Protein backbone atom coordinates (compact mmCIF):
# COMPACT_ATOMS: atom_id res chain seq x y z
CA MET A 1 0.00 0.00 0.00
CA PRO A 2 1.40 3.40 -0.91
CA THR A 3 2.35 5.64 2.00
CA ARG A 4 -0.08 8.33 0.96
CA PHE A 5 -3.03 6.00 1.65
CA SER A 6 -1.84 4.96 5.10
CA LYS A 7 -3.80 5.76 8.23
CA THR A 8 -1.08 7.98 9.69
CA ARG A 9 -1.06 10.18 6.58
CA LYS A 10 -4.85 10.44 6.57
CA HIS A 11 -4.91 11.51 10.20
CA ARG A 12 -2.31 14.29 9.87
CA GLY A 13 -3.78 17.44 11.35
CA HIS A 14 -6.39 15.62 13.44
CA VAL A 15 -4.99 15.94 16.93
CA SER A 16 -5.45 12.46 18.40
CA ALA A 17 -5.52 10.42 15.18
CA GLY A 18 -8.73 8.60 16.00
CA TYR A 19 -7.68 7.40 19.44
CA GLY A 20 -9.51 10.03 21.54
CA ARG A 21 -8.23 12.60 24.01
CA VAL A 22 -9.01 10.77 27.25
CA GLY A 23 -7.89 7.15 26.83
CA LYS A 24 -5.17 7.96 24.29
CA HIS A 25 -4.79 4.55 22.64
CA ARG A 26 -4.66 2.68 25.93
CA LYS A 27 -6.70 -0.24 27.29
CA SER A 28 -8.73 -2.59 25.16
CA PRO A 29 -12.48 -2.36 24.84
CA GLY A 30 -12.99 -6.12 24.94
CA GLY A 31 -10.64 -6.75 27.84
CA ARG A 32 -7.19 -8.38 27.65
CA GLY A 33 -6.27 -11.94 26.93
CA MET A 34 -8.97 -14.43 27.81
CA ALA A 35 -11.17 -11.81 29.49
CA GLY A 36 -14.84 -12.37 28.73
CA GLY A 37 -14.33 -15.94 27.58
CA GLN A 38 -17.53 -16.99 29.33
CA HIS A 39 -19.36 -13.75 28.57
CA HIS A 40 -18.93 -11.42 25.62
CA HIS A 41 -16.24 -13.51 23.86
CA ARG A 42 -18.06 -16.79 24.31
CA THR A 43 -18.85 -17.41 20.63
CA ASN A 44 -15.18 -17.16 19.68
CA ILE A 45 -14.09 -19.50 22.50
CA ASP A 46 -16.80 -22.06 21.69
CA LYS A 47 -16.01 -21.98 18.00
CA TYR A 48 -12.22 -22.04 18.00
CA HIS A 49 -11.45 -23.64 21.38
CA PRO A 50 -14.19 -26.15 22.15
CA GLY A 51 -13.88 -27.78 25.56
CA TYR A 52 -11.73 -25.01 27.00
CA PHE A 53 -14.04 -24.40 29.96
CA GLY A 54 -15.47 -27.01 32.30
CA LYS A 55 -14.37 -30.25 33.89
CA VAL A 56 -14.37 -33.87 32.77
CA GLY A 57 -13.94 -37.00 34.84
CA MET A 58 -12.30 -37.37 38.20
CA ARG A 59 -9.12 -35.76 39.46
CA TYR A 60 -6.23 -38.01 40.45
CA PHE A 61 -4.34 -36.43 43.36
CA HIS A 62 -0.64 -37.25 43.83
CA LYS A 63 -0.49 -39.30 40.64
CA THR A 64 2.94 -40.87 40.29
CA GLN A 65 3.79 -41.18 36.63
CA GLN A 66 6.30 -43.95 37.16
CA GLN A 67 3.51 -46.28 38.21
CA PHE A 68 2.02 -46.03 34.73
CA TRP A 69 5.26 -46.25 32.71
CA LYS A 70 4.69 -48.98 30.16
CA PRO A 71 6.21 -48.16 26.75
CA THR A 72 5.36 -50.90 24.27
CA ILE A 73 7.04 -52.39 21.23
CA ASN A 74 5.65 -54.77 18.65
CA LEU A 75 7.22 -58.06 17.57
CA ASP A 76 7.93 -56.80 14.06
CA LYS A 77 10.27 -54.13 15.51
CA LEU A 78 12.15 -56.46 17.90
CA TRP A 79 14.95 -57.37 15.50
CA SER A 80 15.63 -53.70 14.74
CA LEU A 81 16.97 -53.45 18.31
CA VAL A 82 19.73 -55.97 17.59
CA PRO A 83 22.91 -54.27 16.26
CA ALA A 84 23.09 -54.42 12.45
CA GLU A 85 26.17 -56.67 12.05
CA LYS A 86 24.84 -59.18 14.61
CA ARG A 87 21.39 -59.08 13.03
CA ASP A 88 22.81 -59.88 9.59
CA ALA A 89 24.85 -62.77 11.00
CA TYR A 90 21.80 -64.32 12.69
CA LEU A 91 19.38 -63.74 9.83
CA SER A 92 21.76 -65.11 7.18
CA GLY A 93 22.15 -68.28 9.24
CA SER A 94 25.94 -68.03 9.61
CA LYS A 95 25.64 -67.75 13.41
CA THR A 96 23.62 -70.61 14.90
CA ASP A 97 25.58 -71.53 18.04
CA THR A 98 23.98 -68.80 20.20
CA ALA A 99 20.68 -66.95 20.32
CA PRO A 100 20.55 -63.16 20.56
CA VAL A 101 19.39 -61.76 23.90
CA ILE A 102 17.18 -58.69 23.58
CA ASP A 103 16.86 -56.98 26.97
CA LEU A 104 14.16 -54.36 26.50
CA LEU A 105 14.36 -52.44 29.80
CA PRO A 106 17.68 -50.67 29.10
CA LEU A 107 16.37 -49.91 25.60
CA GLY A 108 13.37 -48.08 27.06
CA TYR A 109 10.55 -50.60 26.58
CA SER A 110 8.67 -52.65 29.13
CA LYS A 111 5.95 -54.49 27.22
CA VAL A 112 6.03 -56.60 24.06
CA LEU A 113 2.91 -56.70 21.89
CA GLY A 114 2.13 -59.33 19.27
CA LYS A 115 1.78 -57.38 16.01
CA GLY A 116 3.79 -58.73 13.08
CA ARG A 117 5.83 -61.88 12.50
CA LEU A 118 9.19 -63.07 13.78
CA PRO A 119 11.76 -64.87 11.64
CA GLN A 120 12.14 -68.55 12.59
CA ILE A 121 15.29 -67.90 14.62
CA PRO A 122 15.47 -68.55 18.37
CA VAL A 123 15.73 -65.36 20.39
CA VAL A 124 15.73 -64.60 24.13
CA VAL A 125 13.49 -61.63 24.94
CA ARG A 126 13.56 -60.00 28.38
CA ALA A 127 10.79 -57.60 29.42
CA ARG A 128 8.39 -56.87 32.27
CA TYR A 129 5.22 -57.69 30.35
CA PHE A 130 4.25 -59.76 27.31
CA SER A 131 0.89 -59.97 25.61
CA ARG A 132 -0.50 -63.47 25.09
CA ASP A 133 0.06 -63.31 21.31
CA ALA A 134 3.62 -62.03 21.67
CA GLU A 135 4.57 -64.82 24.06
CA GLN A 136 3.02 -67.44 21.80
CA LYS A 137 4.76 -66.16 18.65
CA ILE A 138 8.18 -65.93 20.33
CA LYS A 139 7.87 -69.53 21.55
CA GLU A 140 6.69 -70.72 18.12
CA ALA A 141 9.86 -69.22 16.61
CA GLY A 142 11.89 -71.30 19.08
CA GLY A 143 12.60 -68.38 21.38
CA VAL A 144 12.38 -67.85 25.13
CA VAL A 145 10.38 -65.30 27.09
CA GLU A 146 12.00 -63.99 30.29
CA LEU A 147 10.07 -61.84 32.74
CA VAL A 148 12.22 -59.22 34.44
CA ALA A 149 11.29 -57.23 37.54
């Protein structure tokens, strides 16, 4: 927009430039921030921020997050946790004297879920929890399930 059409140019010579003599471009007519969210700004809040006001469910006082720590991993991702050179050796069949041990706790997982398939190679899996399907599939592949505290 050219400067000559700007508001400041248009208001030259008009003392307070549209902002009044008393308030002088201070304060906001609708309030500041979330003021009026339940009153005169309600339509905006309801439209663009549904569920902002009100309560749902019960409160849980002194909730310890560590009690609910249970990161999961599916069977189809298990072998990705084995280092690449070892994985290739086991999957190619060149290394059959030992089975890989996958300890999930130090890797940040505590539960194994049963999605996907495992290659028919024995593997020892250590975790705190196993779903029924995961345990069954690991054993079918000739592997061992170890529960760790």
